[in-house]
């Protein structure tokens, strides 16, 4: 049994905390919303994020971070990208005078403006004296399926093999299987960039395109993800694994994906502002599209699909015109 703190009680944070609690670990789920903390502790539900789901009775929620992380061995951060730094600063203060923890995150995005990966943000905000290893959990996994005990396979990536195995053991059960990996860069890039392609996939379905179009989008989208990841030093094999093609498939084909649903609504003619208001939760792919476009320009990486989605999101380009322009691009080799 491990003592584990999970920071962020959204759908994904709650689902992961529930897996850990059902495995018999001592799990503390932190939320900044007292009303949500009370609901989890008293009703064992989190209705706003996971409707009709019943949480493990040994999962305890806290509004005070210092109490949540007291004497824990692992801290798992599962907050939206835009909140990572603020929460990490709070965590750094809360970990003062505590034992070193294994610091893990399960957030899929790039920081607005700086375009840094989440592990980079954590390393900047949490003093190295407070953690023994840094890791990232990623892969094809919807919270809505995990909470129902659907078979799920994910990756835990860390340069510290021992730490990765400790996290692997804490999570693994007959429904939730975890593999280890040492490629943090590729794992994070795959998890973040697939959200862009998922927006495009939702739009295609909304516009009435079929399986051929969806397969084409995801295949060529994976090529773009790989190219940009390689430019930052990722292992190419990561992108044909769980945190690459696996995550892309699940996010690009499921209505459970916020990014897919956002693309679907854009295809119906809604504005981005209308989509974001209707969603009520963070759509990571929107800000990641801007980040990826500018990183690609900086590294001279060709990402035509990303550029097209950027034009739709930020320049109000008609989606059908964006698709036509992609199809009419100059013919090239598939492996260029």
Protein backbone atom coordinates (compact mmCIF):
# COMPACT_ATOMS: atom_id res chain seq x y z
CA UNK A 1 0.00 0.00 0.00
CA UNK A 2 1.23 3.47 -0.93
CA UNK A 3 0.26 6.87 0.43
CA UNK A 4 -0.67 8.95 -2.59
CA UNK A 5 -2.01 12.47 -3.10
CA UNK A 6 -3.91 13.29 -6.30
CA UNK A 7 -4.17 16.99 -7.10
CA UNK A 8 -7.22 17.94 -9.15
CA UNK A 9 -10.70 16.45 -8.80
CA UNK A 10 -11.87 16.81 -12.38
CA UNK A 11 -13.00 13.76 -14.33
CA UNK A 12 -9.50 12.38 -15.00
CA UNK A 13 -8.08 13.14 -11.57
CA UNK A 14 -11.07 11.53 -9.88
CA UNK A 15 -10.96 8.44 -12.09
CA UNK A 16 -7.24 7.91 -11.46
CA UNK A 17 -7.64 8.49 -7.73
CA UNK A 18 -10.42 5.91 -7.73
CA UNK A 19 -8.20 3.32 -9.44
CA UNK A 20 -5.52 3.88 -6.81
CA UNK A 21 -8.03 3.70 -3.95
CA UNK A 22 -9.63 0.51 -5.27
CA UNK A 23 -6.14 -1.01 -5.34
CA UNK A 24 -5.96 -0.52 -1.57
CA UNK A 25 -3.73 2.54 -1.51
CA UNK A 26 -4.16 5.40 0.97
CA UNK A 27 -5.37 8.06 -1.49
CA UNK A 28 -6.03 11.73 -0.77
CA UNK A 29 -7.81 13.68 -3.54
CA UNK A 30 -7.24 17.44 -3.35
CA UNK A 31 -9.70 20.00 -4.71
CA UNK A 32 -9.88 23.76 -4.19
CA UNK A 33 -13.68 23.51 -4.11
CA UNK A 34 -15.04 22.77 -0.64
CA UNK A 35 -18.45 21.81 -2.02
CA UNK A 36 -16.83 19.16 -4.22
CA UNK A 37 -14.75 17.85 -1.29
CA UNK A 38 -17.88 17.45 0.82
CA UNK A 39 -19.73 15.63 -1.97
CA UNK A 40 -16.89 13.14 -2.48
CA UNK A 41 -16.53 12.44 1.25
CA UNK A 42 -20.23 12.30 2.10
CA UNK A 43 -21.83 10.85 -1.04
CA UNK A 44 -18.82 9.20 -2.72
CA UNK A 45 -19.79 10.86 -6.00
CA UNK A 46 -18.47 13.64 -8.24
CA UNK A 47 -21.60 14.31 -10.29
CA UNK A 48 -20.40 17.35 -12.22
CA UNK A 49 -17.56 15.41 -13.82
CA UNK A 50 -18.55 11.73 -13.60
CA UNK A 51 -22.29 11.34 -13.59
CA UNK A 52 -23.75 8.24 -11.91
CA UNK A 53 -20.29 7.02 -10.86
CA UNK A 54 -19.84 5.67 -7.34
CA UNK A 55 -16.36 6.23 -5.91
CA UNK A 56 -14.41 3.98 -3.57
CA UNK A 57 -15.42 4.65 0.02
CA UNK A 58 -11.77 4.76 1.11
CA UNK A 59 -11.06 7.68 -1.26
CA UNK A 60 -10.86 10.81 0.89
CA UNK A 61 -10.99 14.36 -0.46
CA UNK A 62 -9.24 17.39 1.04
CA UNK A 63 -9.41 21.13 0.43
CA UNK A 64 -6.16 21.77 2.30
CA UNK A 65 -3.14 20.76 0.23
CA UNK A 66 -0.69 20.52 3.13
CA UNK A 67 -2.93 17.94 4.79
CA UNK A 68 -3.43 16.07 1.52
CA UNK A 69 0.31 15.64 0.86
CA UNK A 70 1.40 15.00 4.46
CA UNK A 71 3.70 11.94 4.54
CA UNK A 72 2.70 10.76 1.06
CA UNK A 73 5.10 8.85 -1.19
CA UNK A 74 3.63 9.82 -4.56
CA UNK A 75 2.00 13.05 -5.72
CA UNK A 76 -0.04 12.90 -8.93
CA UNK A 77 -0.95 16.25 -10.49
CA UNK A 78 -4.03 16.15 -12.76
CA UNK A 79 -4.97 19.80 -13.21
CA UNK A 80 -5.52 21.70 -16.50
CA UNK A 81 -2.37 22.96 -18.19
CA UNK A 82 -3.15 26.59 -17.41
CA UNK A 83 -3.36 25.78 -13.68
CA UNK A 84 -0.18 23.68 -13.45
CA UNK A 85 2.15 26.44 -12.27
CA UNK A 86 -0.17 27.85 -9.61
CA UNK A 87 -0.89 24.41 -8.17
CA UNK A 88 2.80 23.45 -8.37
CA UNK A 89 3.75 26.52 -6.34
CA UNK A 90 1.22 25.53 -3.69
CA UNK A 91 2.59 22.00 -3.75
CA UNK A 92 6.15 23.24 -3.31
CA UNK A 93 5.14 25.10 -0.15
CA UNK A 94 3.12 22.14 1.12
CA UNK A 95 6.04 19.74 0.66
CA UNK A 96 8.37 21.77 2.89
CA UNK A 97 9.69 19.56 5.70
CA UNK A 98 8.11 16.48 4.07
CA UNK A 99 9.88 13.43 2.66
CA UNK A 100 10.82 13.52 -1.02
CA UNK A 101 7.98 12.33 -3.24
CA UNK A 102 7.76 10.77 -6.66
CA UNK A 103 6.14 13.59 -8.64
CA UNK A 104 3.85 12.40 -11.44
CA UNK A 105 1.51 14.29 -13.75
CA UNK A 106 -1.30 13.19 -16.07
CA UNK A 107 -2.01 16.51 -17.81
CA UNK A 108 -1.99 16.60 -21.62
CA UNK A 109 -1.11 20.03 -22.96
CA UNK A 110 1.53 22.70 -23.54
CA UNK A 111 1.75 25.89 -21.51
CA UNK A 112 0.20 28.93 -23.19
CA UNK A 113 2.79 31.56 -24.25
CA UNK A 114 5.92 29.60 -23.17
CA UNK A 115 4.79 26.34 -24.87
CA UNK A 116 6.65 24.33 -22.26
CA UNK A 117 5.76 20.75 -21.44
CA UNK A 118 4.11 20.04 -18.09
CA UNK A 119 7.17 18.28 -16.66
CA UNK A 120 9.22 21.39 -17.45
CA UNK A 121 6.77 23.58 -15.57
CA UNK A 122 6.79 21.25 -12.57
CA UNK A 123 10.59 21.16 -12.53
CA UNK A 124 10.67 24.96 -12.50
CA UNK A 125 8.11 25.39 -9.71
CA UNK A 126 8.81 22.47 -7.37
CA UNK A 127 12.23 22.51 -5.72
CA UNK A 128 14.33 19.46 -6.51
CA UNK A 129 14.81 18.87 -2.79
CA UNK A 130 11.09 18.03 -2.60
CA UNK A 131 10.96 15.20 -5.16
CA UNK A 132 13.07 12.17 -5.97
CA UNK A 133 11.82 11.56 -9.51
CA UNK A 134 9.59 13.12 -12.15
CA UNK A 135 7.19 11.04 -14.26
CA UNK A 136 4.25 11.36 -16.66
CA UNK A 137 1.22 9.08 -16.98
CA UNK A 138 -0.37 9.03 -20.43
CA UNK A 139 -2.12 6.82 -22.94
CA UNK A 140 -5.52 5.99 -24.50
CA UNK A 141 -7.81 6.51 -21.54
CA UNK A 142 -11.13 8.27 -21.05
CA UNK A 143 -12.15 8.90 -17.46
CA UNK A 144 -15.70 7.82 -18.30
CA UNK A 145 -14.44 4.36 -19.30
CA UNK A 146 -11.87 3.98 -16.53
CA UNK A 147 -14.46 4.67 -13.84
CA UNK A 148 -16.58 1.84 -15.34
CA UNK A 149 -13.58 -0.53 -15.19
CA UNK A 150 -13.17 -0.78 -18.95
CA UNK A 151 -9.87 -2.41 -19.94
CA UNK A 152 -7.29 0.38 -20.09
CA UNK A 153 -3.59 0.41 -20.95
CA UNK A 154 -1.35 3.42 -20.27
CA UNK A 155 2.32 4.37 -19.99
CA UNK A 156 4.31 5.76 -17.08
CA UNK A 157 7.38 7.55 -18.44
CA UNK A 158 10.35 8.52 -16.29
CA UNK A 159 14.13 8.65 -16.47
CA UNK A 160 14.09 6.93 -13.08
CA UNK A 161 13.21 3.29 -13.82
CA UNK A 162 12.73 2.42 -10.15
CA UNK A 163 10.26 5.27 -9.64
CA UNK A 164 8.35 4.28 -12.78
CA UNK A 165 7.99 0.73 -11.49
CA UNK A 166 6.71 1.97 -8.11
CA UNK A 167 3.97 3.99 -9.85
CA UNK A 168 3.28 1.08 -12.20
CA UNK A 169 2.67 -1.22 -9.25
CA UNK A 170 0.42 1.29 -7.45
CA UNK A 171 -1.88 1.59 -10.47
CA UNK A 172 -1.90 -1.88 -11.99
CA UNK A 173 -4.86 -4.24 -11.63
CA UNK A 174 -6.92 -6.60 -13.81
CA UNK A 175 -8.60 -3.66 -15.60
CA UNK A 176 -5.84 -1.04 -15.62
CA UNK A 177 -2.47 -2.11 -17.06
CA UNK A 178 0.59 0.15 -16.95
CA UNK A 179 3.75 -0.06 -19.05
CA UNK A 180 7.00 1.80 -18.31
CA UNK A 181 8.90 4.05 -20.70
CA UNK A 182 11.89 6.39 -20.34
CA UNK A 183 10.82 8.92 -23.00
CA UNK A 184 9.18 11.80 -21.13
CA UNK A 185 9.42 14.18 -24.10
CA UNK A 186 7.70 11.86 -26.57
CA UNK A 187 5.06 10.80 -24.06
CA UNK A 188 4.14 14.40 -23.27
CA UNK A 189 4.23 15.56 -26.89
CA UNK A 190 2.04 12.68 -28.03
CA UNK A 191 -0.47 13.32 -25.26
CA UNK A 192 -0.68 17.04 -25.98
CA UNK A 193 -0.63 17.13 -29.78
CA UNK A 194 -3.24 14.41 -30.38
CA UNK A 195 -5.83 16.85 -29.01
CA UNK A 196 -5.34 19.00 -32.10
CA UNK A 197 -6.08 16.11 -34.44
CA UNK A 198 -9.11 15.13 -32.33
CA UNK A 199 -10.65 18.56 -33.00
CA UNK A 200 -10.24 17.92 -36.71
CA UNK A 201 -11.70 14.41 -36.39
CA UNK A 202 -14.84 15.70 -34.68
CA UNK A 203 -15.28 18.31 -37.39
CA UNK A 204 -15.01 15.69 -40.15
CA UNK A 205 -17.76 13.58 -38.61
CA UNK A 206 -19.98 16.62 -38.15
CA UNK A 207 -19.53 17.52 -41.81
CA UNK A 208 -20.53 14.04 -42.92
CA UNK A 209 -17.17 12.64 -43.98
CA UNK A 210 -16.67 8.87 -43.65
CA UNK A 211 -14.11 6.38 -42.40
CA UNK A 212 -11.64 7.03 -45.21
CA UNK A 213 -11.36 10.68 -44.25
CA UNK A 214 -11.01 9.91 -40.53
CA UNK A 215 -8.27 7.35 -41.18
CA UNK A 216 -6.43 9.78 -43.43
CA UNK A 217 -6.62 12.56 -40.85
CA UNK A 218 -5.32 10.43 -37.99
CA UNK A 219 -2.55 8.84 -40.04
CA UNK A 220 -1.23 12.10 -41.39
CA UNK A 221 -1.87 13.74 -38.03
CA UNK A 222 0.38 11.17 -36.40
CA UNK A 223 3.07 12.02 -38.94
CA UNK A 224 2.89 15.67 -37.83
CA UNK A 225 2.97 14.74 -34.14
CA UNK A 226 6.02 12.55 -34.74
CA UNK A 227 7.88 15.21 -36.74
CA UNK A 228 7.46 17.85 -34.06
CA UNK A 229 8.28 15.41 -31.27
CA UNK A 230 11.47 14.30 -33.00
CA UNK A 231 12.52 17.93 -33.37
CA UNK A 232 12.55 18.13 -29.57
CA UNK A 233 14.46 14.89 -29.03
CA UNK A 234 11.68 12.32 -28.59
CA UNK A 235 12.13 8.62 -29.34
CA UNK A 236 10.29 7.86 -32.62
CA UNK A 237 9.08 4.52 -31.23
CA UNK A 238 7.05 6.35 -28.59
CA UNK A 239 4.67 7.63 -31.26
CA UNK A 240 3.65 4.13 -32.35
CA UNK A 241 2.95 3.22 -28.73
CA UNK A 242 0.20 3.89 -26.20
CA UNK A 243 0.93 7.58 -25.67
CA UNK A 244 1.20 8.13 -29.43
CA UNK A 245 -1.06 6.29 -31.84
CA UNK A 246 -3.02 4.72 -28.98
CA UNK A 247 -4.02 8.03 -27.46
CA UNK A 248 -4.69 9.48 -30.90
CA UNK A 249 -7.12 6.69 -31.77
CA UNK A 250 -9.15 6.95 -28.59
CA UNK A 251 -9.30 10.75 -28.63
CA UNK A 252 -9.97 11.02 -32.35
CA UNK A 253 -12.85 8.54 -32.42
CA UNK A 254 -14.82 9.03 -29.22
CA UNK A 255 -17.60 11.35 -28.14
CA UNK A 256 -16.09 11.16 -24.64
CA UNK A 257 -13.29 13.41 -25.90
CA UNK A 258 -13.89 17.11 -25.23
CA UNK A 259 -11.65 17.94 -28.16
CA UNK A 260 -13.63 15.67 -30.50
CA UNK A 261 -16.89 17.21 -29.27
CA UNK A 262 -15.46 20.70 -29.76
CA UNK A 263 -14.56 19.87 -33.36
CA UNK A 264 -17.99 18.37 -33.95
CA UNK A 265 -19.68 21.58 -32.80
CA UNK A 266 -17.33 23.70 -34.90
CA UNK A 267 -18.36 21.59 -37.89
CA UNK A 268 -21.97 22.46 -37.10
CA UNK A 269 -21.14 26.12 -37.53
CA UNK A 270 -20.75 27.19 -33.91
CA UNK A 271 -18.10 29.75 -33.00
CA UNK A 272 -15.20 28.83 -30.74
CA UNK A 273 -16.63 31.06 -28.01
CA UNK A 274 -19.96 29.23 -28.22
CA UNK A 275 -18.23 25.85 -28.08
CA UNK A 276 -16.13 26.75 -25.05
CA UNK A 277 -19.18 28.09 -23.21
CA UNK A 278 -21.21 24.97 -24.01
CA UNK A 279 -18.39 22.59 -22.97
CA UNK A 280 -17.98 24.03 -19.48
CA UNK A 281 -14.57 22.33 -19.16
CA UNK A 282 -11.10 23.05 -20.51
CA UNK A 283 -10.56 22.11 -24.17
CA UNK A 284 -6.80 21.53 -24.12
CA UNK A 285 -6.52 21.18 -27.89
CA UNK A 286 -7.45 24.82 -28.54
CA UNK A 287 -4.43 26.37 -26.84
CA UNK A 288 -2.23 23.44 -27.90
CA UNK A 289 -3.01 24.18 -31.56
CA UNK A 290 -1.54 27.66 -31.22
CA UNK A 291 1.47 26.32 -29.34
CA UNK A 292 2.16 23.60 -31.91
CA UNK A 293 1.83 25.98 -34.86
CA UNK A 294 4.39 28.38 -33.42
CA UNK A 295 6.76 25.63 -32.26
CA UNK A 296 6.63 24.12 -35.75
CA UNK A 297 7.52 27.47 -37.30
CA UNK A 298 10.38 27.86 -34.85
CA UNK A 299 11.77 24.38 -35.60
CA UNK A 300 10.93 24.45 -39.34
CA UNK A 301 8.60 21.46 -39.07
CA UNK A 302 5.86 20.98 -41.68
CA UNK A 303 2.43 20.61 -39.99
CA UNK A 304 -0.28 21.41 -42.57
CA UNK A 305 -3.17 19.84 -40.63
CA UNK A 306 -2.25 21.76 -37.49
CA UNK A 307 -1.99 24.96 -39.52
CA UNK A 308 -5.43 24.36 -41.03
CA UNK A 309 -7.02 23.79 -37.61
CA UNK A 310 -5.27 26.90 -36.33
CA UNK A 311 -6.81 28.92 -39.15
CA UNK A 312 -10.28 27.63 -38.25
CA UNK A 313 -9.86 28.29 -34.52
CA UNK A 314 -8.01 31.60 -34.56
CA UNK A 315 -8.56 33.14 -38.00
CA UNK A 316 -12.22 32.12 -38.47
CA UNK A 317 -11.53 30.25 -41.69
CA UNK A 318 -14.39 28.15 -43.05
CA UNK A 319 -13.78 24.49 -42.20
CA UNK A 320 -14.76 23.22 -45.65
CA UNK A 321 -12.34 25.62 -47.29
CA UNK A 322 -9.58 24.52 -44.93
CA UNK A 323 -10.19 20.88 -45.89
CA UNK A 324 -10.22 21.71 -49.61
CA UNK A 325 -6.91 23.57 -49.27
CA UNK A 326 -5.34 20.56 -47.53
CA UNK A 327 -6.48 18.21 -50.29
CA UNK A 328 -5.22 20.54 -53.02
CA UNK A 329 -1.71 20.93 -51.61
CA UNK A 330 1.20 20.03 -53.88
CA UNK A 331 1.71 16.26 -54.05
CA UNK A 332 4.60 14.93 -51.98
CA UNK A 333 6.13 11.65 -50.81
CA UNK A 334 4.46 10.00 -47.82
CA UNK A 335 7.75 9.71 -45.93
CA UNK A 336 8.90 13.31 -46.40
